[in-house]
Structures are given as C-alpha cells and as structure tokens.
C-alpha cells in the first residue's frame, strides 16, 4: 500500500522535472511491457478473451494513466487526488452490479452514498477552488480504474503476467501516439529529460505497477479477496503522508473530515457481504 500511495507524489516530482504527463504514462506502460514480456508465452487467445483484454488494456493502461498524470499536472496539491482516487471502489461495485449482476444490498448503497458525500464535502473546501480541474480528472481516473476491475473479471483464467504485458504494450503505443499528437516534440522531450524524471518513471513502472500491483495479486492466492481489499483503503494515508514530507502539504480540516469519511466508507464497503 505504501508503493501504491507513493505513485501520486512521485508523479508530481516527475512532471515537475519536465516530464510531459501523457509521455509519463507511455513510458510507465512501456517499462511494464519490457519487464514482463520475457516471462510470457506467445499464444493465440480464444475469441471470448479478446475484447475484454482490449477493453481492460484501454481502461487500466490508457484511461487510468492518462487521467492520473493529467490530474497531477493540473493540481498544485496532491492530497485531494489521493482521496478522490478512492472513488474507484464504489464505482466498481456499481458497475459490477450493472454488468456482471453482482448483488447490492442496502448496506452497500449507504456506504457508496456516504463515500460520494465525503468527496462532495472535499469539493467545498476553499483550497480546492483552484484545483477543481485536477479533482475532476482524478474522478475520471477512478471511473476507468473501476471499469478495468469489471473487465478483469472476464480475464481471471489468463496468466496475470500475460494480461499485464498486453496492457503495457497496447497502452504504451496508444499513449505514445497521443503524446506525439497533443504534446509534440516527443524526441526532444526524451532527450532533455532530467535524471529525476527518469527515476520517477522507473519508480512508477517497476515499484508501483509491477511490485505494488503484483504483490496484491500474489496475496490473492493465499487470502480471500475480501481480506486483502480493505487494505486498499490504506494507500491514501501513505499518499498524504508522503505529500506532507515531500511537498509540505498540510490538509485542511474539511479535507481531513472528507478524507476520513471516504476512506472509512471504502474500507467498510469492501468488508460488507
């Protein structure tokens, strides 16, 4: 959870070190593909896996990275983004009930509504007034992360390394094209990147994407999902602590109250059956 929480402040360090946001996402996904490709067997996929894999790659690889790094670039403070990312859990539960038919009881609805109210409360913080674009972008990231969790349910029988490598390849190519079109001068950006920017990309690709997410998948082999997922609520705590130590960010009272409401709701939501 520490590594997942570190993705936000380190992303800000990378973008502050002259890294264009879309290019950041492309390089991160490229690192994921390069690291996992040697461990994957080339095989022809069954038709039933093809569309879910493409949808998973575009939601998790393209959508999440695109909105994450654009939100970081648009924001001067990181803490609200870390909290806003927690919306991915209630959104995923809603989408799962719509597309997969998973059950929804009144307890889940209460906690989902409460988590959204916590986000709304943060939105009324005067300190967020100039950060509204970044806050909306991180909500977009939460939606795409939630979508990826739904699509991943159709890929449970595939090897995690294969799905992650495929996602990395598709996302890297797509984001690289987007960077060339919208950011321009991609070769020049790559040549002029500072060492700190490269270190932050390596951190995001290797430690956050591979080690952080793969550790969670590893835990799923030994523990029930319901036992592992509640710890997901801890990552914003580490994210805000790192934001304090790196950037000196001190959350306002409204932000703290809203954050506690969101994190508590998400924690309980993942324990409700």
Protein backbone atom coordinates (compact mmCIF):
# COMPACT_ATOMS: atom_id res chain seq x y z
CA UNK A 1 0.00 0.00 0.00
CA UNK A 2 2.97 2.29 0.60
CA UNK A 3 4.07 1.83 -3.02
CA UNK A 4 0.57 2.47 -4.38
CA UNK A 5 0.29 5.61 -2.26
CA UNK A 6 3.71 6.82 -3.41
CA UNK A 7 2.56 6.89 -7.06
CA UNK A 8 0.94 10.33 -6.65
CA UNK A 9 3.66 12.46 -5.03
CA UNK A 10 6.39 10.81 -7.14
CA UNK A 11 4.33 11.52 -10.27
CA UNK A 12 4.32 15.20 -9.28
CA UNK A 13 8.10 15.09 -8.85
CA UNK A 14 8.48 13.59 -12.34
CA UNK A 15 6.17 16.12 -14.00
CA UNK A 16 7.90 18.97 -12.13
CA UNK A 17 11.17 17.65 -13.60
CA UNK A 18 10.00 18.46 -17.16
CA UNK A 19 8.17 15.16 -17.88
CA UNK A 20 5.03 15.70 -20.06
CA UNK A 21 2.10 13.85 -18.41
CA UNK A 22 0.98 11.71 -21.37
CA UNK A 23 4.58 10.75 -22.16
CA UNK A 24 4.99 9.82 -18.48
CA UNK A 25 2.14 7.32 -18.79
CA UNK A 26 3.51 5.93 -22.08
CA UNK A 27 6.96 5.32 -20.60
CA UNK A 28 5.49 3.76 -17.47
CA UNK A 29 3.48 1.27 -19.53
CA UNK A 30 6.48 0.63 -21.76
CA UNK A 31 8.51 -0.38 -18.71
CA UNK A 32 5.73 -2.76 -17.62
CA UNK A 33 5.76 -4.43 -21.05
CA UNK A 34 9.57 -4.70 -21.25
CA UNK A 35 9.81 -6.22 -17.76
CA UNK A 36 7.02 -8.79 -18.25
CA UNK A 37 7.37 -9.75 -21.93
CA UNK A 38 10.30 -12.19 -21.37
CA UNK A 39 8.15 -14.17 -18.91
CA UNK A 40 5.13 -14.53 -21.20
CA UNK A 41 4.36 -17.30 -23.65
CA UNK A 42 3.11 -16.21 -27.05
CA UNK A 43 -0.26 -17.83 -27.68
CA UNK A 44 -3.42 -17.35 -29.69
CA UNK A 45 -6.22 -16.09 -27.48
CA UNK A 46 -9.70 -17.52 -27.53
CA UNK A 47 -12.23 -15.09 -29.00
CA UNK A 48 -14.04 -14.73 -25.68
CA UNK A 49 -10.92 -13.13 -24.14
CA UNK A 50 -10.01 -10.76 -26.98
CA UNK A 51 -12.50 -7.92 -26.42
CA UNK A 52 -12.24 -7.99 -22.59
CA UNK A 53 -8.42 -7.86 -22.87
CA UNK A 54 -8.54 -4.88 -25.24
CA UNK A 55 -11.12 -3.14 -23.02
CA UNK A 56 -9.02 -3.87 -19.92
CA UNK A 57 -5.90 -2.51 -21.62
CA UNK A 58 -7.58 0.71 -22.68
CA UNK A 59 -9.28 1.30 -19.33
CA UNK A 60 -6.44 0.33 -16.99
CA UNK A 61 -3.47 1.16 -19.20
CA UNK A 62 -4.66 4.16 -21.21
CA UNK A 63 -7.55 5.70 -19.25
CA UNK A 64 -6.05 5.38 -15.76
CA UNK A 65 -2.60 6.67 -16.73
CA UNK A 66 -3.92 9.45 -18.95
CA UNK A 67 -6.28 10.90 -16.33
CA UNK A 68 -3.88 10.27 -13.44
CA UNK A 69 -0.97 12.23 -14.90
CA UNK A 70 -3.16 14.98 -16.38
CA UNK A 71 -4.73 15.45 -12.93
CA UNK A 72 -1.30 15.61 -11.29
CA UNK A 73 -0.15 18.22 -13.81
CA UNK A 74 -3.32 20.29 -13.31
CA UNK A 75 -3.04 20.27 -9.50
CA UNK A 76 -0.72 22.09 -7.15
CA UNK A 77 -1.70 19.91 -4.16
CA UNK A 78 -1.75 16.10 -4.17
CA UNK A 79 -3.81 15.09 -1.12
CA UNK A 80 -7.27 15.63 -2.72
CA UNK A 81 -6.20 13.49 -5.68
CA UNK A 82 -5.17 10.63 -3.41
CA UNK A 83 -8.54 10.75 -1.66
CA UNK A 84 -10.52 11.16 -4.90
CA UNK A 85 -8.91 8.02 -6.34
CA UNK A 86 -10.76 6.02 -3.68
CA UNK A 87 -13.97 6.54 -5.65
CA UNK A 88 -12.83 3.68 -7.87
CA UNK A 89 -14.09 1.14 -5.33
CA UNK A 90 -17.75 2.29 -5.03
CA UNK A 91 -17.88 2.92 -8.79
CA UNK A 92 -16.52 -0.59 -9.44
CA UNK A 93 -19.20 -2.10 -7.19
CA UNK A 94 -21.94 -0.17 -9.01
CA UNK A 95 -20.60 -1.21 -12.43
CA UNK A 96 -20.25 -4.83 -11.29
CA UNK A 97 -23.89 -4.88 -10.25
CA UNK A 98 -24.94 -3.48 -13.65
CA UNK A 99 -22.75 -5.53 -16.00
CA UNK A 100 -21.98 -8.68 -14.01
CA UNK A 101 -25.12 -8.89 -11.88
CA UNK A 102 -23.37 -8.88 -8.51
CA UNK A 103 -25.72 -8.36 -5.58
CA UNK A 104 -26.22 -4.94 -3.99
CA UNK A 105 -27.79 -4.68 -0.53
CA UNK A 106 -28.86 -1.59 1.36
CA UNK A 107 -25.64 -1.53 3.43
CA UNK A 108 -23.56 -1.20 0.28
CA UNK A 109 -25.78 1.58 -1.06
CA UNK A 110 -25.48 3.52 2.20
CA UNK A 111 -21.67 3.25 2.17
CA UNK A 112 -21.48 4.16 -1.53
CA UNK A 113 -23.61 7.27 -0.95
CA UNK A 114 -21.52 8.15 2.12
CA UNK A 115 -18.26 7.88 0.14
CA UNK A 116 -19.64 10.20 -2.55
CA UNK A 117 -20.79 12.67 0.12
CA UNK A 118 -17.24 12.69 1.50
CA UNK A 119 -15.93 13.63 -1.95
CA UNK A 120 -18.58 16.35 -2.28
CA UNK A 121 -17.52 17.74 1.11
CA UNK A 122 -13.90 17.95 -0.06
CA UNK A 123 -15.13 19.75 -3.18
CA UNK A 124 -16.50 22.56 -0.97
CA UNK A 125 -13.07 23.15 0.57
CA UNK A 126 -12.00 26.71 -0.46
CA UNK A 127 -8.50 25.34 -1.05
CA UNK A 128 -9.90 23.10 -3.80
CA UNK A 129 -11.49 26.02 -5.69
CA UNK A 130 -8.43 26.45 -7.91
CA UNK A 131 -7.88 22.68 -8.11
CA UNK A 132 -11.28 21.68 -9.49
CA UNK A 133 -9.93 20.56 -12.89
CA UNK A 134 -7.42 18.19 -11.29
CA UNK A 135 -10.11 16.92 -8.92
CA UNK A 136 -12.48 16.17 -11.82
CA UNK A 137 -9.68 14.46 -13.76
CA UNK A 138 -8.88 12.15 -10.83
CA UNK A 139 -12.58 11.23 -10.67
CA UNK A 140 -12.24 10.27 -14.35
CA UNK A 141 -9.25 8.13 -13.43
CA UNK A 142 -11.32 6.43 -10.70
CA UNK A 143 -14.02 5.61 -13.28
CA UNK A 144 -11.53 3.98 -15.66
CA UNK A 145 -9.90 2.05 -12.80
CA UNK A 146 -13.34 0.79 -11.80
CA UNK A 147 -14.06 -0.23 -15.41
CA UNK A 148 -10.79 -2.15 -15.53
CA UNK A 149 -11.78 -4.15 -12.45
CA UNK A 150 -15.02 -5.18 -14.18
CA UNK A 151 -13.21 -6.23 -17.37
CA UNK A 152 -10.58 -8.10 -15.35
CA UNK A 153 -13.33 -10.43 -14.07
CA UNK A 154 -13.57 -11.84 -17.61
CA UNK A 155 -9.81 -12.50 -17.68
CA UNK A 156 -9.43 -14.49 -14.46
CA UNK A 157 -8.34 -17.63 -16.32
CA UNK A 158 -5.47 -15.86 -18.09
CA UNK A 159 -2.00 -15.51 -16.62
CA UNK A 160 -1.61 -12.18 -14.81
CA UNK A 161 1.80 -11.58 -16.40
CA UNK A 162 0.31 -12.03 -19.88
CA UNK A 163 -2.62 -9.67 -19.30
CA UNK A 164 -0.35 -7.04 -17.71
CA UNK A 165 2.22 -7.29 -20.53
CA UNK A 166 -0.53 -6.99 -23.15
CA UNK A 167 -1.95 -3.99 -21.32
CA UNK A 168 1.51 -2.41 -21.16
CA UNK A 169 2.10 -2.85 -24.90
CA UNK A 170 -1.31 -1.53 -26.02
CA UNK A 171 -1.25 1.37 -23.58
CA UNK A 172 2.34 2.35 -24.38
CA UNK A 173 1.64 2.56 -28.13
CA UNK A 174 -1.66 4.42 -27.64
CA UNK A 175 -0.29 6.93 -25.14
CA UNK A 176 2.86 7.47 -27.21
CA UNK A 177 0.73 8.39 -30.24
CA UNK A 178 -1.39 10.67 -28.03
CA UNK A 179 1.78 12.32 -26.70
CA UNK A 180 3.09 12.93 -30.22
CA UNK A 181 -0.25 14.44 -31.32
CA UNK A 182 -1.09 16.55 -28.26
CA UNK A 183 2.26 17.25 -26.58
CA UNK A 184 4.55 17.30 -29.63
CA UNK A 185 8.36 17.29 -29.78
CA UNK A 186 8.43 13.83 -28.19
CA UNK A 187 12.02 13.08 -29.26
CA UNK A 188 13.15 16.44 -27.90
CA UNK A 189 11.33 15.79 -24.60
CA UNK A 190 13.04 12.39 -24.27
CA UNK A 191 16.48 13.86 -24.94
CA UNK A 192 16.03 16.66 -22.43
CA UNK A 193 14.51 14.67 -19.57
CA UNK A 194 16.25 15.17 -16.25
CA UNK A 195 17.59 12.24 -14.23
CA UNK A 196 14.89 12.80 -11.58
CA UNK A 197 12.17 12.38 -14.24
CA UNK A 198 13.63 9.05 -15.38
CA UNK A 199 13.89 7.85 -11.78
CA UNK A 200 10.23 8.71 -11.16
CA UNK A 201 9.17 6.81 -14.31
CA UNK A 202 11.17 3.77 -13.21
CA UNK A 203 9.59 4.04 -9.76
CA UNK A 204 6.10 4.16 -11.29
CA UNK A 205 6.71 1.32 -13.74
CA UNK A 206 8.70 -1.11 -11.60
CA UNK A 207 7.77 -0.42 -7.99
CA UNK A 208 4.17 0.84 -8.32
CA UNK A 209 2.87 -1.08 -11.35
CA UNK A 210 4.85 -4.31 -11.08
CA UNK A 211 5.83 -4.76 -7.45
CA UNK A 212 2.83 -2.97 -5.90
CA UNK A 213 0.07 -4.49 -8.01
CA UNK A 214 1.74 -7.89 -8.42
CA UNK A 215 2.06 -8.19 -4.63
CA UNK A 216 -1.70 -7.77 -4.32
CA UNK A 217 -2.27 -10.47 -6.94
CA UNK A 218 0.17 -12.70 -5.05
CA UNK A 219 -1.79 -12.23 -1.81
CA UNK A 220 -5.00 -13.27 -3.61
CA UNK A 221 -3.51 -16.76 -3.99
CA UNK A 222 -3.38 -17.23 -0.21
CA UNK A 223 -6.12 -15.00 1.20
CA UNK A 224 -9.73 -14.24 0.21
CA UNK A 225 -10.24 -11.07 -1.83
CA UNK A 226 -12.39 -9.63 0.97
CA UNK A 227 -9.46 -9.98 3.35
CA UNK A 228 -6.98 -8.22 1.06
CA UNK A 229 -9.05 -5.41 -0.48
CA UNK A 230 -9.78 -3.49 2.78
CA UNK A 231 -6.07 -2.70 2.99
CA UNK A 232 -6.51 -0.77 -0.28
CA UNK A 233 -8.02 1.96 1.89
CA UNK A 234 -4.58 2.48 3.47
CA UNK A 235 -2.88 3.76 0.33
CA UNK A 236 -4.30 7.32 0.59
CA UNK A 237 -2.92 7.51 4.14
CA UNK A 238 0.61 6.81 2.85
CA UNK A 239 -0.01 9.10 -0.13
CA UNK A 240 -0.95 12.04 2.09
CA UNK A 241 1.94 11.36 4.48
CA UNK A 242 4.41 11.37 1.60
CA UNK A 243 2.83 14.54 0.22
CA UNK A 244 3.44 16.15 3.61
CA UNK A 245 7.08 15.06 3.82
CA UNK A 246 7.91 15.83 0.16
CA UNK A 247 5.87 18.97 -0.52
CA UNK A 248 4.95 20.11 2.99
CA UNK A 249 1.21 19.75 2.26
CA UNK A 250 -0.99 20.14 5.34
CA UNK A 251 -4.60 19.03 4.68
CA UNK A 252 -7.32 21.45 5.81
CA UNK A 253 -9.93 20.43 8.39
CA UNK A 254 -12.58 19.95 5.67
CA UNK A 255 -10.19 17.82 3.65
CA UNK A 256 -9.37 15.68 6.68
CA UNK A 257 -13.04 15.15 7.60
CA UNK A 258 -13.97 14.36 3.98
CA UNK A 259 -10.96 12.05 3.67
CA UNK A 260 -11.89 10.15 6.83
CA UNK A 261 -15.47 9.74 5.55
CA UNK A 262 -14.30 8.45 2.16
CA UNK A 263 -11.59 6.13 3.46
CA UNK A 264 -13.83 4.69 6.20
CA UNK A 265 -16.71 4.16 3.76
CA UNK A 266 -14.44 2.42 1.24
CA UNK A 267 -12.89 0.25 3.96
CA UNK A 268 -16.30 -0.89 5.23
CA UNK A 269 -17.66 -1.23 1.70
CA UNK A 270 -15.06 -3.86 0.89
CA UNK A 271 -15.95 -5.84 4.03
CA UNK A 272 -19.73 -5.85 3.51
CA UNK A 273 -21.20 -9.01 2.01
